[in-house]
Amino acid sequence: MKSLVTGGAGFIGSHLVDRLMSIGYSVTVVDNLSSGCLENVKGWIGDSRFKFVRGDLKKRGKWIGEFKGVDVVFHYAANPEVRVSVTDPRIHFEENLQATFNVLEACRNFKIPYFVFASTSTVYGDAERIPTPEDYTPLKPVSVYGAVKLSCETFIQTYSRLYGLKSLILRYANVVGARSKHGVLVDFVEKLRSNPKRLEILGDGLQRKSYLHVEEAVDATLKALDYTFNSDGFEEVFNVGSEDWITVREVADIVVEAMGLKNVEYVYKPATSDGRGWLGDVKLMLLDVNKLKRATGWRPRLNSREAMKLAIKDYRKE
C-alpha cells in the first residue's frame, strides 16, 4: 500500500508513520514543520519506502504531485491549539479548513480511493448527552477550532458523495504521549519545572475530560481503516477515546506525584463564570466508543489516569 500522511512529522502523525512503516506501507510525509519536527521521523530517512516533502498545504505547490498513485491519504496536518483559534480565528481557517480543501482537491484530481481525517471531540461542543455518541445532535462547537474541524468533516463527506472518495473520519478525545508539545500535561510539567511550589491551573480544576494514549489512538486508527477497506459504505465516522474521564485537578495531582513534588499550591484561574480554562474550552467531554468497539473489536487498554501516567513518563524521557 502506498500512503501519504499530511502532518506526518507532528504528534499523532509521526506515531502513525512509525506504525505504517513497521507494517510494510510505503509512506510519503508532507509537512511544513510549523508544529511538527523532522526529528520525529528521522529514523526513517534513507529508507526506500519513506519520503519526506516539506510543503505548505495552505498553498497549491509541488507537494500536490506526491498524491499520484497513492492508495490512502491520512490528513493529520492542522493547527492543534484550541486557544489560538479563539484569539486569532484566521489561523485555523487557513491552516485547517483551507489546507483541507487543497488536500481534498489533490485527492480528487488523482482519484485517491481512501481518505482518513483526524477530527476531534470538540465538534460536539457542550454535549448534553454523555458519553456522547457519533449520531449526537445538534453539533454546536464552542471554539473556532471545533467549528473548523466540523466544516472539514462536511467538505470530506461531500467529496465522498460527489467523487467516490471513501472517507474515514476519526473524532479523537484528548490524545497524550511522546512528542506532544501542547496540552494540559505539557503545561503542568513546564510550569512545575519553573516553580515546583506553585501550579497555575486554567479553569476551576473541575473540568472533566477523557485522555487516550497516542499508541492506542494509532491502534484504533488502523483498526478503523481495516474496517473501511472492507465496508460497502463511502462515509464512516468513529469516536476514538478512553471509556472514563478525570478532572483537571486529578491531572495536576498525577503530574505532581510523578515529579516527586509535595505541598504544591494550586492557583485556579477560571476564564469564565462556569469555570472553564479559556473561552472555547469544553468543560465536560467523554466519548461513547461503542460503535468503534462493535465494528472493529478495538477497545482501549488504558483508562485516562493510566494513559496520563504513561504520557508523563514519555514526556520526561524526552
Foldseek 3Di string as FASTA:
>chain_A
DEEEEEVCQADLNLVLVVVCVVVPYQYEYEYQVPHGDVVSNVVCPPPPSYHYHYDQLLDDDPVLVVLAPGQEYEYPFADPDQQCCAVPVVRRCRRQQSSLVSVLVSCLVRVHAEYEYEAALQQQDQFPDPQAEPPDDDRDHQTSNSVSSVVSLVVVVVCCVVRVHQYEYEHEWAEFAARDDDDLLNQQLVVCVVPVQEGEDQWPQAQKGFYAYSVLVSVLVVLVVVLSVVDPDRYYYFYDTAQGIDTSNVLNVLSNVLVVGPNHHYHYHYPDPRTGRHRRGHRYHGHDGVVSCVRRVRHGPDTRSRSSNNRSVNHVVD
